[in-house]
C-alpha atoms as a PDB file:
ATOM      1  CA  MET A   1     158.305 -76.600 121.905  1.00  0.00           C
ATOM      2  CA  LYS A   2     160.459 -74.917 119.281  1.00  0.00           C
ATOM      3  CA  ASN A   3     158.421 -71.802 119.357  1.00  0.00           C
ATOM      4  CA  GLY A   4     158.665 -71.516 123.202  1.00  0.00           C
ATOM      5  CA  ARG A   5     162.377 -71.659 122.972  1.00  0.00           C
ATOM      6  CA  LEU A   6     162.526 -69.163 120.141  1.00  0.00           C
ATOM      7  CA  ILE A   7     160.413 -66.754 122.004  1.00  0.00           C
ATOM      8  CA  LYS A   8     162.731 -66.944 125.097  1.00  0.00           C
ATOM      9  CA  ALA A   9     165.597 -66.379 122.973  1.00  0.00           C
ATOM     10  CA  LEU A  10     164.285 -63.614 121.038  1.00  0.00           C
ATOM     11  CA  PRO A  11     165.073 -60.733 123.762  1.00  0.00           C
ATOM     12  CA  SER A  12     168.854 -61.917 123.757  1.00  0.00           C
ATOM     13  CA  MET A  13     168.665 -62.056 119.913  1.00  0.00           C
ATOM     14  CA  VAL A  14     167.510 -58.541 119.755  1.00  0.00           C
ATOM     15  CA  LEU A  15     170.177 -57.516 122.432  1.00  0.00           C
ATOM     16  CA  ILE A  16     173.017 -58.958 120.206  1.00  0.00           C
ATOM     17  CA  LEU A  17     171.708 -57.320 117.212  1.00  0.00           C
ATOM     18  CA  ALA A  18     171.519 -53.749 118.872  1.00  0.00           C
ATOM     19  CA  VAL A  19     174.991 -54.152 120.231  1.00  0.00           C
ATOM     20  CA  LEU A  20     176.231 -55.317 116.564  1.00  0.00           C
ATOM     21  CA  LEU A  21     174.502 -52.489 115.099  1.00  0.00           C
ATOM     22  CA  THR A  22     175.685 -49.857 117.518  1.00  0.00           C
ATOM     23  CA  ALA A  23     179.234 -51.297 117.033  1.00  0.00           C
ATOM     24  CA  CYS A  24     178.956 -50.595 113.282  1.00  0.00           C
ATOM     25  CA  ALA A  25     177.669 -47.078 113.553  1.00  0.00           C
ATOM     26  CA  THR A  26     179.915 -45.858 116.267  1.00  0.00           C
ATOM     27  CA  PRO A  27     182.945 -44.228 114.677  1.00  0.00           C
ATOM     28  CA  PRO A  28     186.192 -45.560 115.812  1.00  0.00           C
ATOM     29  CA  SER A  29     187.800 -43.856 118.648  1.00  0.00           C
ATOM     30  CA  PRO A  30     191.369 -42.654 118.345  1.00  0.00           C
ATOM     31  CA  THR A  31     194.015 -45.222 119.429  1.00  0.00           C
ATOM     32  CA  PRO A  32     196.359 -44.342 122.162  1.00  0.00           C
ATOM     33  CA  GLU A  33     199.168 -43.621 119.838  1.00  0.00           C
ATOM     34  CA  GLN A  34     196.790 -41.169 117.854  1.00  0.00           C
ATOM     35  CA  ARG A  35     195.665 -39.366 121.082  1.00  0.00           C
ATOM     36  CA  ALA A  36     199.428 -39.031 122.127  1.00  0.00           C
ATOM     37  CA  SER A  37     200.410 -37.800 118.426  1.00  0.00           C
ATOM     38  CA  VAL A  38     197.861 -34.953 118.633  1.00  0.00           C
ATOM     39  CA  ASP A  39     199.716 -31.620 118.976  1.00  0.00           C
ATOM     40  CA  GLU A  40     197.105 -29.318 120.678  1.00  0.00           C
ATOM     41  CA  SER A  41     199.298 -26.414 120.279  1.00  0.00           C
ATOM     42  CA  ALA A  42     198.853 -26.735 116.413  1.00  0.00           C
ATOM     43  CA  MET A  43     195.177 -25.765 116.769  1.00  0.00           C
ATOM     44  CA  LEU A  44     195.849 -22.490 118.864  1.00  0.00           C
ATOM     45  CA  PRO A  45     196.821 -20.355 115.774  1.00  0.00           C
ATOM     46  CA  LEU A  46     193.846 -21.595 113.856  1.00  0.00           C
ATOM     47  CA  LEU A  47     191.169 -20.760 116.586  1.00  0.00           C
ATOM     48  CA  GLY A  48     192.788 -17.341 116.760  1.00  0.00           C
ATOM     49  CA  HIS A  49     192.386 -17.161 112.918  1.00  0.00           C
ATOM     50  CA  ILE A  50     188.569 -18.179 113.376  1.00  0.00           C
ATOM     51  CA  GLN A  51     188.131 -15.660 115.908  1.00  0.00           C
ATOM     52  CA  LEU A  52     189.719 -12.992 113.576  1.00  0.00           C
ATOM     53  CA  LEU A  53     187.644 -14.156 110.824  1.00  0.00           C
ATOM     54  CA  HIS A  54     184.317 -13.189 112.686  1.00  0.00           C
ATOM     55  CA  ARG A  55     185.812  -9.603 112.781  1.00  0.00           C
ATOM     56  CA  MET A  56     186.480  -9.181 109.229  1.00  0.00           C
ATOM     57  CA  SER A  57     184.618  -7.084 106.708  1.00  0.00           C
ATOM     58  CA  PRO A  58     183.366  -8.877 103.533  1.00  0.00           C
ATOM     59  CA  SER A  59     186.223  -7.272 101.577  1.00  0.00           C
ATOM     60  CA  ASP A  60     188.792  -8.273 104.111  1.00  0.00           C
ATOM     61  CA  LEU A  61     187.317 -11.809 103.843  1.00  0.00           C
ATOM     62  CA  SER A  62     187.598 -11.584 100.001  1.00  0.00           C
ATOM     63  CA  ARG A  63     191.336 -10.645 100.335  1.00  0.00           C
ATOM     64  CA  GLU A  64     191.898 -13.501 102.879  1.00  0.00           C
ATOM     65  CA  ARG A  65     190.453 -15.834 100.424  1.00  0.00           C
ATOM     66  CA  ALA A  66     192.850 -14.824  97.680  1.00  0.00           C
ATOM     67  CA  VAL A  67     195.910 -15.147 100.107  1.00  0.00           C
ATOM     68  CA  LEU A  68     194.880 -18.667 101.203  1.00  0.00           C
ATOM     69  CA  ALA A  69     193.901 -19.581  97.492  1.00  0.00           C
ATOM     70  CA  VAL A  70     197.691 -19.061  96.566  1.00  0.00           C
ATOM     71  CA  LYS A  71     199.083 -20.833  99.494  1.00  0.00           C
ATOM     72  CA  GLN A  72     200.418 -24.181  99.472  1.00  0.00           C
ATOM     73  CA  GLN A  73     197.461 -26.596 100.492  1.00  0.00           C
ATOM     74  CA  THR A  74     198.475 -28.026 104.061  1.00  0.00           C
ATOM     75  CA  PRO A  75     196.007 -29.385 106.349  1.00  0.00           C
ATOM     76  CA  ALA A  76     196.195 -26.109 108.494  1.00  0.00           C
ATOM     77  CA  THR A  77     195.650 -23.915 105.338  1.00  0.00           C
ATOM     78  CA  GLN A  78     192.593 -26.308 104.496  1.00  0.00           C
ATOM     79  CA  VAL A  79     191.023 -25.849 107.922  1.00  0.00           C
ATOM     80  CA  ARG A  80     191.742 -21.982 107.537  1.00  0.00           C
ATOM     81  CA  MET A  81     189.868 -21.887 104.123  1.00  0.00           C
ATOM     82  CA  ALA A  82     187.159 -23.969 105.502  1.00  0.00           C
ATOM     83  CA  ALA A  83     186.695 -21.467 108.323  1.00  0.00           C
ATOM     84  CA  LEU A  84     186.743 -18.664 105.901  1.00  0.00           C
ATOM     85  CA  LEU A  85     184.167 -20.257 103.631  1.00  0.00           C
ATOM     86  CA  SER A  86     182.085 -20.880 106.707  1.00  0.00           C
ATOM     87  CA  GLN A  87     181.618 -17.008 106.960  1.00  0.00           C
ATOM     88  CA  GLN A  88     180.124 -16.512 103.630  1.00  0.00           C
ATOM     89  CA  ARG A  89     176.278 -16.906 102.899  1.00  0.00           C
ATOM     90  CA  PRO A  90     176.060 -19.276 100.017  1.00  0.00           C
ATOM     91  CA  SER A  91     175.330 -22.980 101.173  1.00  0.00           C
ATOM     92  CA  MET A  92     177.770 -24.072  98.371  1.00  0.00           C
ATOM     93  CA  ASP A  93     180.604 -22.515 100.135  1.00  0.00           C
ATOM     94  CA  LEU A  94     179.656 -24.495 103.361  1.00  0.00           C
ATOM     95  CA  VAL A  95     179.518 -27.623 101.349  1.00  0.00           C
ATOM     96  CA  ARG A  96     183.170 -26.841  99.925  1.00  0.00           C
ATOM     97  CA  ALA A  97     184.259 -26.094 103.307  1.00  0.00           C
ATOM     98  CA  LEU A  98     182.956 -29.638 104.641  1.00  0.00           C
ATOM     99  CA  SER A  99     184.760 -31.189 101.786  1.00  0.00           C
ATOM    100  CA  LEU A 100     187.864 -29.394 102.772  1.00  0.00           C
ATOM    101  CA  LEU A 101     187.623 -30.706 106.491  1.00  0.00           C
ATOM    102  CA  GLU A 102     186.845 -34.123 105.444  1.00  0.00           C
ATOM    103  CA  SER A 103     190.151 -34.410 103.269  1.00  0.00           C
ATOM    104  CA  VAL A 104     191.768 -33.191 106.621  1.00  0.00           C
ATOM    105  CA  LEU A 105     190.266 -35.775 108.573  1.00  0.00           C
ATOM    106  CA  LYS A 106     190.916 -38.516 106.074  1.00  0.00           C
ATOM    107  CA  SER A 107     194.624 -37.621 105.980  1.00  0.00           C
ATOM    108  CA  THR A 108     197.233 -39.418 108.076  1.00  0.00           C
ATOM    109  CA  GLU A 109     199.845 -36.880 107.881  1.00  0.00           C
ATOM    110  CA  PRO A 110     201.167 -35.921 111.604  1.00  0.00           C
ATOM    111  CA  GLU A 111     200.032 -32.279 110.940  1.00  0.00           C
ATOM    112  CA  ALA A 112     196.507 -33.389 109.873  1.00  0.00           C
ATOM    113  CA  VAL A 113     196.331 -35.854 112.648  1.00  0.00           C
ATOM    114  CA  SER A 114     197.063 -32.976 115.191  1.00  0.00           C
ATOM    115  CA  LEU A 115     194.103 -31.020 113.563  1.00  0.00           C
ATOM    116  CA  HIS A 116     191.457 -33.821 113.654  1.00  0.00           C
ATOM    117  CA  PRO A 117     189.885 -32.676 116.750  1.00  0.00           C
ATOM    118  CA  LEU A 118     189.238 -29.107 115.424  1.00  0.00           C
ATOM    119  CA  ALA A 119     188.313 -30.430 111.968  1.00  0.00           C
ATOM    120  CA  ARG A 120     185.855 -32.774 113.269  1.00  0.00           C
ATOM    121  CA  ILE A 121     184.178 -30.094 115.626  1.00  0.00           C
ATOM    122  CA  LEU A 122     184.069 -27.765 112.572  1.00  0.00           C
ATOM    123  CA  ALA A 123     182.681 -30.299 110.352  1.00  0.00           C
ATOM    124  CA  ASN A 124     179.878 -31.128 112.853  1.00  0.00           C
ATOM    125  CA  HIS A 125     179.322 -27.502 113.272  1.00  0.00           C
ATOM    126  CA  PHE A 126     178.874 -27.046 109.314  1.00  0.00           C
ATOM    127  CA  GLN A 127     176.919 -30.087 108.956  1.00  0.00           C
ATOM    128  CA  GLU A 128     174.134 -28.722 111.507  1.00  0.00           C
ATOM    129  CA  ARG A 129     174.315 -25.497 109.812  1.00  0.00           C
ATOM    130  CA  LEU A 130     173.442 -27.150 106.436  1.00  0.00           C
ATOM    131  CA  LYS A 131     170.671 -28.977 107.862  1.00  0.00           C
ATOM    132  CA  LEU A 132     169.248 -25.690 109.559  1.00  0.00           C
ATOM    133  CA  GLU A 133     169.612 -23.824 106.263  1.00  0.00           C
ATOM    134  CA  GLN A 134     167.648 -26.602 104.457  1.00  0.00           C
ATOM    135  CA  GLN A 135     165.036 -26.587 107.132  1.00  0.00           C
ATOM    136  CA  ASN A 136     164.855 -22.775 107.060  1.00  0.00           C
ATOM    137  CA  GLU A 137     164.324 -22.999 103.165  1.00  0.00           C
ATOM    138  CA  LYS A 138     161.621 -25.450 103.666  1.00  0.00           C
ATOM    139  CA  LEU A 139     159.722 -23.209 106.091  1.00  0.00           C
ATOM    140  CA  VAL A 140     160.014 -20.203 103.827  1.00  0.00           C
ATOM    141  CA  GLN A 141     158.486 -22.265 101.172  1.00  0.00           C
ATOM    142  CA  GLN A 142     155.791 -23.288 103.304  1.00  0.00           C
ATOM    143  CA  LEU A 143     155.204 -19.817 104.609  1.00  0.00           C
ATOM    144  CA  LYS A 144     155.028 -18.564 101.061  1.00  0.00           C
ATOM    145  CA  ASP A 145     152.500 -21.217 100.249  1.00  0.00           C
ATOM    146  CA  SER A 146     150.343 -20.573 103.189  1.00  0.00           C
ATOM    147  CA  GLN A 147     150.499 -16.769 102.448  1.00  0.00           C
ATOM    148  CA  ARG A 148     149.276 -17.587  98.834  1.00  0.00           C
ATOM    149  CA  ARG A 149     146.477 -19.924  99.870  1.00  0.00           C
ATOM    150  CA  GLY A 150     145.404 -17.103 102.320  1.00  0.00           C
ATOM    151  CA  SER A 151     145.445 -14.388  99.651  1.00  0.00           C
ATOM    152  CA  GLU A 152     143.286 -16.840  97.272  1.00  0.00           C
ATOM    153  CA  LEU A 153     140.709 -17.542 100.209  1.00  0.00           C
ATOM    154  CA  GLN A 154     140.417 -13.851 100.936  1.00  0.00           C
ATOM    155  CA  ASP A 155     139.952 -13.358  97.212  1.00  0.00           C
ATOM    156  CA  LYS A 156     137.014 -15.991  97.132  1.00  0.00           C
ATOM    157  CA  LEU A 157     135.535 -14.453 100.448  1.00  0.00           C
ATOM    158  CA  ASP A 158     135.541 -10.884  98.860  1.00  0.00           C
ATOM    159  CA  ALA A 159     134.042 -12.263  95.706  1.00  0.00           C
ATOM    160  CA  LEU A 160     131.332 -13.926  97.731  1.00  0.00           C
ATOM    161  CA  ALA A 161     130.695 -10.670  99.652  1.00  0.00           C
ATOM    162  CA  ASP A 162     130.455  -8.851  96.373  1.00  0.00           C
ATOM    163  CA  ILE A 163     127.946 -11.478  95.033  1.00  0.00           C
ATOM    164  CA  GLU A 164     125.804 -11.034  98.302  1.00  0.00           C
ATOM    165  CA  ARG A 165     125.659  -7.395  97.994  1.00  0.00           C
ATOM    166  CA  SER A 166     124.578  -7.553  94.253  1.00  0.00           C
ATOM    167  CA  LEU A 167     121.519  -9.680  95.351  1.00  0.00           C
ATOM    168  CA  PRO A 168     118.126  -7.792  95.557  1.00  0.00           C
ATOM    169  CA  ALA A 169     117.047  -7.386  99.258  1.00  0.00           C
ATOM    170  CA  ARG A 170     114.580 -10.130 100.459  1.00  0.00           C
ATOM    171  CA  PRO A 171     111.314  -9.194 101.692  1.00  0.00           C
ATOM    172  CA  THR A 172     110.750  -9.283 105.356  1.00  0.00           C
ATOM    173  CA  ALA A 173     107.744 -10.849 107.028  1.00  0.00           C
ATOM    174  CA  GLY A 174     106.096  -7.291 107.298  1.00  0.00           C
ATOM    175  CA  ASP A 175     106.303  -6.620 103.607  1.00  0.00           C
ATOM    176  CA  THR A 176     103.541  -7.526 101.452  1.00  0.00           C
ATOM    177  CA  LEU A 177     104.168  -9.046  98.074  1.00  0.00           C
ATOM    178  CA  PRO A 178     103.164  -7.073  95.015  1.00  0.00           C
ATOM    179  CA  GLY A 179      99.873  -8.293  93.726  1.00  0.00           C
ATOM    180  CA  ALA A 180      99.002  -9.905  96.931  1.00  0.00           C
ATOM    181  CA  ALA A 181      95.471  -9.197  98.497  1.00  0.00           C
ATOM    182  CA  ARG A 182      95.479  -6.836 101.496  1.00  0.00           C
END
């Protein structure tokens, strides 16, 4: 009797558990006050700066990095530096860019709050890039391993072919064996 009630209640318990887990995993949405305090015009200069970074040469990027390093570290400067770091190849720069964006996202300063949407988008993009770079490294290693195994197998085949060529020829059915009666 108790088992029957338990089995009937199981789907509703699973549903409640799923709703609770989903609520825990979903990031809190911005409150109406936070949405109202977001100054979208603060993001426009940063978007222009990001577009400019794409057209810069490596030497220009280095100069820009030096300029940003000496500026006061405001949320806007941190987002600019994160965007700059994302232009360079080493994934360590991407990790540093993510940490800068996370500090902007954690900040409750009005300037930082107005940059949260842009910082969130960039952080998601950088996380995806890191994941893809890791997958790429893993695939490159698998390719190298496969090429090495293929080369080893080819060497074994070549060795077997050499052994086969060095063996004396087999007598055919028409040939007579030496010392045999004719």
